[in-house]
Amino acid sequence: QVQLVESGGGLVQPGGSLRLSCAASGSIFGDNTMGWYRQTPGKQRELVATITSDGSTNYADSVKGRFTISRDNAKITIYLQMNSLKPEDTAVYYCSYRDCCSPRSWGQGAQVTVSS
């Protein structure tokens, strides 16, 4: 089982920046994919960005050019740098971990609010 602990998030004005972090621990496979999803009330959780253990990334069209996902394999930690934030980016952001052989793990969620 994998445990995920998120940090960061908060309130920021439109156009501002925030950084989320997610540290993984537990039964980590070397070949894995970690990522960020977000959810607003009444809507399904949606992909924001993912990164594989060899550094391949994937982004939702809505965040391309504004968000950057990265990882530190030594610390088993991923980051999401969010720039040029918009009110529609307001959501609870969840960290995710998956590998070949275990159910997907989720973090507890971090609230991001973009408002003036």
N, C-alpha and C. Protein backbone atom coordinates (compact mmCIF):
# COMPACT_ATOMS: atom_id res chain seq x y z
N GLN A 1 0.85 -1.19 0.00
CA GLN A 1 0.00 0.00 0.00
C GLN A 1 0.88 1.24 0.00
N VAL A 2 0.40 2.27 -0.69
CA VAL A 2 1.16 3.52 -0.81
C VAL A 2 0.40 4.63 -0.12
N GLN A 3 1.12 5.43 0.64
CA GLN A 3 0.55 6.59 1.30
C GLN A 3 1.06 7.85 0.61
N LEU A 4 0.16 8.80 0.43
CA LEU A 4 0.48 10.06 -0.24
C LEU A 4 0.14 11.21 0.68
N VAL A 5 1.09 12.12 0.85
CA VAL A 5 0.89 13.29 1.71
C VAL A 5 1.10 14.54 0.87
N GLU A 6 0.06 15.33 0.74
CA GLU A 6 0.11 16.54 -0.08
C GLU A 6 0.38 17.76 0.80
N SER A 7 0.97 18.76 0.18
CA SER A 7 1.16 20.05 0.85
C SER A 7 1.10 21.14 -0.20
N GLY A 8 0.90 22.36 0.28
CA GLY A 8 0.74 23.49 -0.62
C GLY A 8 -0.73 23.81 -0.78
N GLY A 9 -1.05 24.54 -1.79
CA GLY A 9 -2.43 24.96 -1.97
C GLY A 9 -2.72 26.22 -1.18
N GLY A 10 -3.98 26.69 -1.28
CA GLY A 10 -4.38 27.88 -0.57
C GLY A 10 -5.14 28.83 -1.45
N LEU A 11 -5.13 30.09 -1.05
CA LEU A 11 -5.87 31.13 -1.77
C LEU A 11 -4.89 32.02 -2.53
N VAL A 12 -5.19 32.27 -3.79
CA VAL A 12 -4.32 33.11 -4.61
C VAL A 12 -5.19 33.95 -5.54
N GLN A 13 -4.70 35.11 -5.92
CA GLN A 13 -5.43 35.97 -6.84
C GLN A 13 -5.26 35.47 -8.27
N PRO A 14 -6.20 35.78 -9.15
CA PRO A 14 -6.04 35.43 -10.56
C PRO A 14 -4.72 35.97 -11.11
N GLY A 15 -4.06 35.12 -11.89
CA GLY A 15 -2.75 35.47 -12.42
C GLY A 15 -1.60 35.07 -11.53
N GLY A 16 -1.89 34.64 -10.31
CA GLY A 16 -0.85 34.27 -9.37
C GLY A 16 -0.37 32.85 -9.56
N SER A 17 0.51 32.43 -8.65
CA SER A 17 1.14 31.11 -8.73
C SER A 17 1.02 30.38 -7.40
N LEU A 18 1.01 29.06 -7.49
CA LEU A 18 1.05 28.18 -6.32
C LEU A 18 1.82 26.93 -6.69
N ARG A 19 2.35 26.26 -5.68
CA ARG A 19 3.06 25.01 -5.89
C ARG A 19 2.52 23.95 -4.94
N LEU A 20 2.15 22.82 -5.50
CA LEU A 20 1.73 21.68 -4.71
C LEU A 20 2.84 20.64 -4.67
N SER A 21 2.93 19.94 -3.55
CA SER A 21 3.88 18.85 -3.39
C SER A 21 3.14 17.61 -2.91
N CYS A 22 3.67 16.44 -3.28
CA CYS A 22 3.07 15.18 -2.84
C CYS A 22 4.21 14.18 -2.62
N ALA A 23 4.33 13.72 -1.37
CA ALA A 23 5.35 12.75 -1.01
C ALA A 23 4.73 11.37 -0.85
N ALA A 24 5.33 10.38 -1.48
CA ALA A 24 4.83 9.01 -1.42
C ALA A 24 5.71 8.17 -0.50
N SER A 25 5.07 7.22 0.17
CA SER A 25 5.80 6.27 1.01
C SER A 25 5.05 4.94 0.99
N GLY A 26 5.76 3.89 1.41
CA GLY A 26 5.13 2.57 1.44
C GLY A 26 5.70 1.66 0.37
N SER A 27 4.86 0.84 -0.20
CA SER A 27 5.28 -0.17 -1.18
C SER A 27 5.37 0.44 -2.57
N ILE A 28 6.50 1.10 -2.84
CA ILE A 28 6.70 1.82 -4.10
C ILE A 28 7.39 0.92 -5.12
N PHE A 29 6.78 0.79 -6.29
CA PHE A 29 7.42 0.10 -7.40
C PHE A 29 8.27 1.10 -8.16
N GLY A 30 9.40 0.62 -8.69
CA GLY A 30 10.28 1.51 -9.44
C GLY A 30 9.62 2.08 -10.67
N ASP A 31 8.76 1.30 -11.32
CA ASP A 31 8.06 1.73 -12.52
C ASP A 31 6.65 2.16 -12.12
N ASN A 32 6.44 3.46 -12.06
CA ASN A 32 5.14 3.94 -11.60
C ASN A 32 4.78 5.26 -12.28
N THR A 33 3.55 5.64 -12.12
CA THR A 33 3.07 6.93 -12.62
C THR A 33 2.40 7.67 -11.48
N MET A 34 2.81 8.90 -11.30
CA MET A 34 2.18 9.76 -10.29
C MET A 34 1.57 10.95 -11.00
N GLY A 35 0.61 11.57 -10.35
CA GLY A 35 -0.02 12.69 -11.03
C GLY A 35 -0.95 13.48 -10.13
N TRP A 36 -1.57 14.47 -10.76
CA TRP A 36 -2.52 15.34 -10.08
C TRP A 36 -3.85 15.32 -10.81
N TYR A 37 -4.92 15.23 -10.02
CA TYR A 37 -6.28 15.32 -10.52
C TYR A 37 -6.97 16.41 -9.71
N ARG A 38 -8.07 16.91 -10.22
CA ARG A 38 -8.80 17.92 -9.46
C ARG A 38 -10.30 17.68 -9.58
N GLN A 39 -11.01 18.20 -8.59
CA GLN A 39 -12.45 17.97 -8.53
C GLN A 39 -13.14 19.17 -7.91
N THR A 40 -14.26 19.55 -8.51
CA THR A 40 -15.13 20.59 -7.96
C THR A 40 -16.47 19.95 -7.62
N PRO A 41 -17.24 20.59 -6.74
CA PRO A 41 -18.50 19.99 -6.30
C PRO A 41 -19.42 19.68 -7.47
N GLY A 42 -19.96 18.46 -7.47
CA GLY A 42 -20.91 18.06 -8.49
C GLY A 42 -20.29 17.59 -9.79
N LYS A 43 -18.96 17.61 -9.86
CA LYS A 43 -18.29 17.19 -11.09
C LYS A 43 -17.37 16.01 -10.82
N GLN A 44 -17.06 15.28 -11.91
CA GLN A 44 -16.14 14.16 -11.77
C GLN A 44 -14.72 14.66 -11.60
N ARG A 45 -13.93 13.83 -10.95
CA ARG A 45 -12.51 14.14 -10.82
C ARG A 45 -11.88 14.09 -12.21
N GLU A 46 -11.05 15.08 -12.51
CA GLU A 46 -10.44 15.16 -13.83
C GLU A 46 -8.93 15.22 -13.75
N LEU A 47 -8.31 14.70 -14.81
CA LEU A 47 -6.86 14.71 -14.91
C LEU A 47 -6.34 16.13 -15.05
N VAL A 48 -5.26 16.44 -14.33
CA VAL A 48 -4.53 17.68 -14.51
C VAL A 48 -3.21 17.39 -15.21
N ALA A 49 -2.41 16.52 -14.62
CA ALA A 49 -1.11 16.18 -15.21
C ALA A 49 -0.59 14.90 -14.57
N THR A 50 0.17 14.13 -15.35
CA THR A 50 0.82 12.94 -14.82
C THR A 50 2.28 12.91 -15.24
N ILE A 51 3.06 12.15 -14.49
CA ILE A 51 4.48 11.98 -14.81
C ILE A 51 4.89 10.57 -14.46
N THR A 52 5.58 9.91 -15.38
CA THR A 52 6.05 8.56 -15.12
C THR A 52 7.39 8.59 -14.40
N SER A 53 7.83 7.43 -13.95
CA SER A 53 9.09 7.36 -13.22
C SER A 53 10.28 7.69 -14.11
N ASP A 54 10.12 7.58 -15.44
CA ASP A 54 11.21 7.97 -16.33
C ASP A 54 11.04 9.39 -16.85
N GLY A 55 10.06 10.13 -16.33
CA GLY A 55 9.95 11.55 -16.61
C GLY A 55 9.01 11.95 -17.72
N SER A 56 8.30 11.02 -18.32
CA SER A 56 7.34 11.37 -19.36
C SER A 56 6.12 12.05 -18.74
N THR A 57 5.68 13.13 -19.36
CA THR A 57 4.58 13.91 -18.80
C THR A 57 3.38 13.94 -19.73
N ASN A 58 2.23 14.22 -19.12
CA ASN A 58 0.98 14.36 -19.85
C ASN A 58 0.16 15.43 -19.13
N TYR A 59 -0.45 16.35 -19.92
CA TYR A 59 -1.20 17.46 -19.34
C TYR A 59 -2.60 17.54 -19.94
N ALA A 60 -3.53 17.99 -19.13
CA ALA A 60 -4.84 18.36 -19.67
C ALA A 60 -4.66 19.61 -20.54
N ASP A 61 -5.45 19.70 -21.59
CA ASP A 61 -5.34 20.86 -22.48
C ASP A 61 -5.55 22.17 -21.74
N SER A 62 -6.40 22.15 -20.73
CA SER A 62 -6.75 23.38 -20.01
C SER A 62 -5.60 23.96 -19.20
N VAL A 63 -4.56 23.16 -18.94
CA VAL A 63 -3.45 23.65 -18.11
C VAL A 63 -2.13 23.70 -18.86
N LYS A 64 -2.10 23.23 -20.10
CA LYS A 64 -0.86 23.24 -20.87
C LYS A 64 -0.32 24.66 -20.99
N GLY A 65 0.98 24.79 -20.77
CA GLY A 65 1.61 26.10 -20.86
C GLY A 65 1.54 26.91 -19.58
N ARG A 66 0.72 26.47 -18.62
CA ARG A 66 0.59 27.20 -17.35
C ARG A 66 1.07 26.37 -16.16
N PHE A 67 0.85 25.08 -16.21
CA PHE A 67 1.22 24.18 -15.12
C PHE A 67 2.41 23.32 -15.54
N THR A 68 3.26 23.00 -14.57
CA THR A 68 4.39 22.11 -14.83
C THR A 68 4.47 21.06 -13.74
N ILE A 69 4.47 19.80 -14.14
CA ILE A 69 4.63 18.71 -13.19
C ILE A 69 6.08 18.23 -13.23
N SER A 70 6.61 17.90 -12.06
CA SER A 70 7.99 17.40 -11.98
C SER A 70 8.07 16.40 -10.83
N ARG A 71 9.18 15.68 -10.78
CA ARG A 71 9.33 14.72 -9.70
C ARG A 71 10.77 14.59 -9.29
N ASP A 72 10.94 14.19 -8.03
CA ASP A 72 12.25 13.89 -7.45
C ASP A 72 12.18 12.42 -7.06
N ASN A 73 12.78 11.56 -7.85
CA ASN A 73 12.67 10.12 -7.60
C ASN A 73 13.38 9.71 -6.30
N ALA A 74 14.41 10.42 -5.93
CA ALA A 74 15.12 10.09 -4.69
C ALA A 74 14.21 10.31 -3.48
N LYS A 75 13.38 11.35 -3.55
CA LYS A 75 12.48 11.66 -2.44
C LYS A 75 11.08 11.07 -2.66
N ILE A 76 10.86 10.45 -3.83
CA ILE A 76 9.55 9.92 -4.22
C ILE A 76 8.49 11.00 -4.01
N THR A 77 8.78 12.14 -4.57
CA THR A 77 7.92 13.32 -4.42
C THR A 77 7.66 13.93 -5.78
N ILE A 78 6.42 14.35 -5.98
CA ILE A 78 6.10 15.10 -7.20
C ILE A 78 5.65 16.50 -6.82
N TYR A 79 5.74 17.38 -7.81
CA TYR A 79 5.39 18.77 -7.62
C TYR A 79 4.48 19.22 -8.76
N LEU A 80 3.65 20.20 -8.47
CA LEU A 80 2.86 20.83 -9.52
C LEU A 80 3.01 22.33 -9.36
N GLN A 81 3.75 22.93 -10.28
CA GLN A 81 3.90 24.38 -10.30
C GLN A 81 2.78 24.94 -11.14
N MET A 82 1.97 25.78 -10.53
CA MET A 82 0.81 26.34 -11.21
C MET A 82 0.99 27.84 -11.36
N ASN A 83 1.08 28.30 -12.59
CA ASN A 83 1.25 29.72 -12.89
C ASN A 83 0.03 30.24 -13.66
N SER A 84 -0.08 31.54 -13.70
CA SER A 84 -1.19 32.18 -14.43
C SER A 84 -2.53 31.56 -14.05
N LEU A 85 -2.74 31.43 -12.76
CA LEU A 85 -3.94 30.75 -12.28
C LEU A 85 -5.20 31.54 -12.62
N LYS A 86 -6.27 30.80 -12.90
CA LYS A 86 -7.55 31.36 -13.27
C LYS A 86 -8.61 30.92 -12.26
N PRO A 87 -9.69 31.66 -12.13
CA PRO A 87 -10.75 31.24 -11.21
C PRO A 87 -11.26 29.82 -11.49
N GLU A 88 -11.26 29.42 -12.75
CA GLU A 88 -11.73 28.07 -13.09
C GLU A 88 -10.76 26.97 -12.67
N ASP A 89 -9.58 27.35 -12.19
CA ASP A 89 -8.66 26.35 -11.63
C ASP A 89 -9.01 26.02 -10.18
N THR A 90 -9.94 26.74 -9.61
CA THR A 90 -10.37 26.48 -8.23
C THR A 90 -10.93 25.07 -8.12
N ALA A 91 -10.37 24.29 -7.20
CA ALA A 91 -10.77 22.89 -7.04
C ALA A 91 -10.01 22.29 -5.87
N VAL A 92 -10.40 21.08 -5.51
CA VAL A 92 -9.57 20.26 -4.63
C VAL A 92 -8.66 19.43 -5.52
N TYR A 93 -7.38 19.52 -5.26
CA TYR A 93 -6.37 18.83 -6.07
C TYR A 93 -5.91 17.58 -5.32
N TYR A 94 -5.95 16.45 -6.02
CA TYR A 94 -5.60 15.16 -5.43
C TYR A 94 -4.36 14.60 -6.10
N CYS A 95 -3.44 14.12 -5.30
CA CYS A 95 -2.28 13.41 -5.78
C CYS A 95 -2.65 11.95 -6.01
N SER A 96 -2.07 11.35 -7.03
CA SER A 96 -2.37 9.97 -7.38
C SER A 96 -1.08 9.19 -7.63
N TYR A 97 -1.13 7.90 -7.26
CA TYR A 97 -0.02 6.98 -7.54
C TYR A 97 -0.60 5.70 -8.10
N ARG A 98 0.05 5.19 -9.17
CA ARG A 98 -0.35 3.87 -9.64
C ARG A 98 0.85 3.14 -10.22
N ASP A 99 0.79 1.81 -10.14
CA ASP A 99 1.82 0.97 -10.74
C ASP A 99 1.14 -0.25 -11.32
N CYS A 100 1.94 -1.21 -11.72
CA CYS A 100 1.40 -2.37 -12.44
C CYS A 100 0.46 -3.20 -11.61
N CYS A 101 0.69 -3.20 -10.29
CA CYS A 101 0.22 -4.34 -9.52
C CYS A 101 -0.63 -4.00 -8.30
N SER A 102 -0.93 -2.72 -8.09
CA SER A 102 -1.70 -2.34 -6.90
C SER A 102 -2.82 -1.40 -7.30
N PRO A 103 -3.86 -1.32 -6.49
CA PRO A 103 -4.91 -0.34 -6.76
C PRO A 103 -4.34 1.07 -6.70
N ARG A 104 -4.94 1.98 -7.45
CA ARG A 104 -4.50 3.38 -7.42
C ARG A 104 -4.65 3.94 -6.00
N SER A 105 -3.67 4.72 -5.59
CA SER A 105 -3.71 5.40 -4.30
C SER A 105 -3.99 6.88 -4.52
N TRP A 106 -4.68 7.49 -3.55
CA TRP A 106 -5.01 8.91 -3.60
C TRP A 106 -4.55 9.61 -2.34
N GLY A 107 -4.16 10.88 -2.50
CA GLY A 107 -3.87 11.71 -1.34
C GLY A 107 -5.16 12.24 -0.75
N GLN A 108 -5.01 13.03 0.31
CA GLN A 108 -6.18 13.53 1.04
C GLN A 108 -6.83 14.73 0.36
N GLY A 109 -6.13 15.34 -0.57
CA GLY A 109 -6.66 16.50 -1.28
C GLY A 109 -6.15 17.80 -0.71
N ALA A 110 -5.95 18.78 -1.60
CA ALA A 110 -5.50 20.12 -1.21
C ALA A 110 -6.37 21.14 -1.92
N GLN A 111 -6.94 22.04 -1.15
CA GLN A 111 -7.82 23.05 -1.72
C GLN A 111 -7.00 24.16 -2.38
N VAL A 112 -7.36 24.46 -3.61
CA VAL A 112 -6.78 25.59 -4.33
C VAL A 112 -7.94 26.52 -4.71
N THR A 113 -7.85 27.75 -4.25
CA THR A 113 -8.89 28.74 -4.53
C THR A 113 -8.27 29.93 -5.23
N VAL A 114 -8.79 30.25 -6.41
CA VAL A 114 -8.29 31.39 -7.18
C VAL A 114 -9.41 32.44 -7.21
N SER A 115 -9.17 33.52 -6.49
CA SER A 115 -10.21 34.53 -6.35
C SER A 115 -9.60 35.86 -5.97
N SER A 116 -10.22 36.93 -6.43
CA SER A 116 -9.77 38.27 -6.04
C SER A 116 -10.56 38.75 -4.83
